Amino acid sequence: MTLTYVYADQTAVLGPLATYAEPHAYDLCETHSERLSAPRGWEVLRLAQPAPPGPSNDDLLALADAVREAGRPAPVQRSLPEAETGRETTRRGHLRVLSSDH
């Protein structure tokens, strides 16, 4: 929240966070804005804080897409024949047995 004050009216105003810097305006965290008190004889006006916006449909769809993507199995990495060491001795279906040339 942003605190501003008017000496002539002996009024302190606590309102939503300011969007630009202004002399004699002070930004306060939530804890300090709740505990704010003014000098004796002064009035504190607390302006309503707008409710924070909830997630939009776009946010929810983006989250669902990210979850789906994370849940997909990783693609199988096949080694290229030149990267393999050894030679093929036996084959059973899609499996191959390689023997070392050492």
C-alpha atoms as a PDB file:
ATOM      1  CA  MET A   1       0.000   0.000   0.000  1.00  0.00           C
ATOM      2  CA  THR A   2       1.090   3.600  -0.478  1.00  0.00           C
ATOM      3  CA  LEU A   3       0.893   6.150   2.326  1.00  0.00           C
ATOM      4  CA  THR A   4       0.290   9.821   1.519  1.00  0.00           C
ATOM      5  CA  TYR A   5      -0.675  12.625   3.852  1.00  0.00           C
ATOM      6  CA  VAL A   6      -2.166  16.120   3.912  1.00  0.00           C
ATOM      7  CA  TYR A   7      -0.835  18.287   6.730  1.00  0.00           C
ATOM      8  CA  ALA A   8      -3.535  20.940   6.347  1.00  0.00           C
ATOM      9  CA  ASP A   9      -6.313  18.380   6.934  1.00  0.00           C
ATOM     10  CA  GLN A  10      -4.311  16.279   9.412  1.00  0.00           C
ATOM     11  CA  THR A  11      -5.129  13.229   7.285  1.00  0.00           C
ATOM     12  CA  ALA A  12      -3.061  10.200   6.321  1.00  0.00           C
ATOM     13  CA  VAL A  13      -4.322   8.195   3.348  1.00  0.00           C
ATOM     14  CA  LEU A  14      -3.404   4.562   2.871  1.00  0.00           C
ATOM     15  CA  GLY A  15      -4.351   3.328  -0.595  1.00  0.00           C
ATOM     16  CA  PRO A  16      -3.328   0.936  -3.353  1.00  0.00           C
ATOM     17  CA  LEU A  17       0.317   0.833  -4.371  1.00  0.00           C
ATOM     18  CA  ALA A  18       1.193   3.884  -6.464  1.00  0.00           C
ATOM     19  CA  THR A  19       2.158   3.329 -10.097  1.00  0.00           C
ATOM     20  CA  TYR A  20       4.641   6.223 -10.142  1.00  0.00           C
ATOM     21  CA  ALA A  21       6.932   7.949  -7.645  1.00  0.00           C
ATOM     22  CA  GLU A  22       5.562  11.002  -5.898  1.00  0.00           C
ATOM     23  CA  PRO A  23       7.152  13.233  -3.249  1.00  0.00           C
ATOM     24  CA  HIS A  24       5.921  12.535   0.271  1.00  0.00           C
ATOM     25  CA  ALA A  25       4.405   9.167  -0.699  1.00  0.00           C
ATOM     26  CA  TYR A  26       5.724   6.031   0.969  1.00  0.00           C
ATOM     27  CA  ASP A  27       5.212   2.420  -0.091  1.00  0.00           C
ATOM     28  CA  LEU A  28       4.526   0.063   2.810  1.00  0.00           C
ATOM     29  CA  CYS A  29       4.525  -3.724   3.008  1.00  0.00           C
ATOM     30  CA  GLU A  30       1.360  -5.532   4.092  1.00  0.00           C
ATOM     31  CA  THR A  31       2.469  -5.925   7.720  1.00  0.00           C
ATOM     32  CA  HIS A  32       3.330  -2.257   8.188  1.00  0.00           C
ATOM     33  CA  SER A  33       0.245  -1.012   6.340  1.00  0.00           C
ATOM     34  CA  GLU A  34      -1.965  -3.029   8.714  1.00  0.00           C
ATOM     35  CA  ARG A  35      -0.184  -1.676  11.819  1.00  0.00           C
ATOM     36  CA  LEU A  36      -0.088   1.954  10.676  1.00  0.00           C
ATOM     37  CA  SER A  37      -1.165   4.569  13.210  1.00  0.00           C
ATOM     38  CA  ALA A  38      -1.227   8.361  12.902  1.00  0.00           C
ATOM     39  CA  PRO A  39      -0.402  11.091  15.401  1.00  0.00           C
ATOM     40  CA  ARG A  40      -3.086  12.094  17.924  1.00  0.00           C
ATOM     41  CA  GLY A  41      -5.739  14.212  16.237  1.00  0.00           C
ATOM     42  CA  TRP A  42      -5.007  12.871  12.770  1.00  0.00           C
ATOM     43  CA  GLU A  43      -7.417  10.761  10.744  1.00  0.00           C
ATOM     44  CA  VAL A  44      -6.313   7.684   8.792  1.00  0.00           C
ATOM     45  CA  LEU A  45      -8.286   6.929   5.645  1.00  0.00           C
ATOM     46  CA  ARG A  46      -7.840   3.374   4.403  1.00  0.00           C
ATOM     47  CA  LEU A  47      -8.926   3.044   0.800  1.00  0.00           C
ATOM     48  CA  ALA A  48     -10.213  -0.335  -0.335  1.00  0.00           C
ATOM     49  CA  GLN A  49      -7.559  -2.553  -1.838  1.00  0.00           C
ATOM     50  CA  PRO A  50      -8.710  -4.094  -5.132  1.00  0.00           C
ATOM     51  CA  ALA A  51      -8.925  -7.888  -5.103  1.00  0.00           C
ATOM     52  CA  PRO A  52      -6.004  -9.549  -6.879  1.00  0.00           C
ATOM     53  CA  PRO A  53      -7.044 -10.983 -10.233  1.00  0.00           C
ATOM     54  CA  GLY A  54      -7.411 -14.747 -10.427  1.00  0.00           C
ATOM     55  CA  PRO A  55      -5.918 -16.935 -13.129  1.00  0.00           C
ATOM     56  CA  SER A  56      -7.322 -16.406 -16.623  1.00  0.00           C
ATOM     57  CA  ASN A  57      -8.417 -19.155 -18.992  1.00  0.00           C
ATOM     58  CA  ASP A  58      -5.155 -18.674 -20.898  1.00  0.00           C
ATOM     59  CA  ASP A  59      -3.166 -19.238 -17.697  1.00  0.00           C
ATOM     60  CA  LEU A  60      -5.068 -22.431 -16.934  1.00  0.00           C
ATOM     61  CA  LEU A  61      -4.664 -23.770 -20.483  1.00  0.00           C
ATOM     62  CA  ALA A  62      -0.928 -23.021 -20.415  1.00  0.00           C
ATOM     63  CA  LEU A  63      -0.618 -24.875 -17.111  1.00  0.00           C
ATOM     64  CA  ALA A  64      -2.540 -27.890 -18.483  1.00  0.00           C
ATOM     65  CA  ASP A  65      -0.299 -27.957 -21.583  1.00  0.00           C
ATOM     66  CA  ALA A  66       2.834 -27.858 -19.416  1.00  0.00           C
ATOM     67  CA  VAL A  67       1.573 -30.757 -17.277  1.00  0.00           C
ATOM     68  CA  ARG A  68       0.750 -32.812 -20.391  1.00  0.00           C
ATOM     69  CA  GLU A  69       4.177 -32.113 -21.871  1.00  0.00           C
ATOM     70  CA  ALA A  70       5.944 -33.116 -18.644  1.00  0.00           C
ATOM     71  CA  GLY A  71       3.940 -36.366 -18.524  1.00  0.00           C
ATOM     72  CA  ARG A  72       4.934 -37.502 -22.014  1.00  0.00           C
ATOM     73  CA  PRO A  73       7.552 -40.254 -22.126  1.00  0.00           C
ATOM     74  CA  ALA A  74      10.959 -39.198 -23.370  1.00  0.00           C
ATOM     75  CA  PRO A  75      11.738 -40.298 -26.938  1.00  0.00           C
ATOM     76  CA  VAL A  76      13.919 -43.391 -27.246  1.00  0.00           C
ATOM     77  CA  GLN A  77      17.477 -42.495 -28.161  1.00  0.00           C
ATOM     78  CA  ARG A  78      18.822 -44.983 -30.671  1.00  0.00           C
ATOM     79  CA  SER A  79      22.509 -45.185 -31.247  1.00  0.00           C
ATOM     80  CA  LEU A  80      23.784 -44.890 -34.770  1.00  0.00           C
ATOM     81  CA  PRO A  81      25.562 -47.961 -36.160  1.00  0.00           C
ATOM     82  CA  GLU A  82      28.907 -46.113 -36.306  1.00  0.00           C
ATOM     83  CA  ALA A  83      28.568 -45.223 -32.609  1.00  0.00           C
ATOM     84  CA  GLU A  84      28.139 -48.881 -31.582  1.00  0.00           C
ATOM     85  CA  THR A  85      31.101 -50.893 -30.421  1.00  0.00           C
ATOM     86  CA  GLY A  86      31.338 -54.602 -31.065  1.00  0.00           C
ATOM     87  CA  ARG A  87      29.650 -56.722 -33.699  1.00  0.00           C
ATOM     88  CA  GLU A  88      26.253 -58.340 -33.875  1.00  0.00           C
ATOM     89  CA  THR A  89      26.301 -62.067 -33.041  1.00  0.00           C
ATOM     90  CA  THR A  90      22.638 -62.896 -32.428  1.00  0.00           C
ATOM     91  CA  ARG A  91      19.271 -61.271 -33.140  1.00  0.00           C
ATOM     92  CA  ARG A  92      15.945 -62.052 -31.408  1.00  0.00           C
ATOM     93  CA  GLY A  93      13.120 -59.945 -32.734  1.00  0.00           C
ATOM     94  CA  HIS A  94      14.058 -56.322 -32.242  1.00  0.00           C
ATOM     95  CA  LEU A  95      16.894 -57.151 -29.821  1.00  0.00           C
ATOM     96  CA  ARG A  96      20.531 -57.643 -30.874  1.00  0.00           C
ATOM     97  CA  VAL A  97      23.400 -59.220 -29.010  1.00  0.00           C
ATOM     98  CA  LEU A  98      26.736 -57.501 -29.581  1.00  0.00           C
ATOM     99  CA  SER A  99      30.087 -59.014 -28.761  1.00  0.00           C
ATOM    100  CA  SER A 100      33.156 -57.049 -27.948  1.00  0.00           C
ATOM    101  CA  ASP A 101      36.046 -57.184 -30.419  1.00  0.00           C
ATOM    102  CA  HIS A 102      38.573 -57.039 -27.579  1.00  0.00           C
END
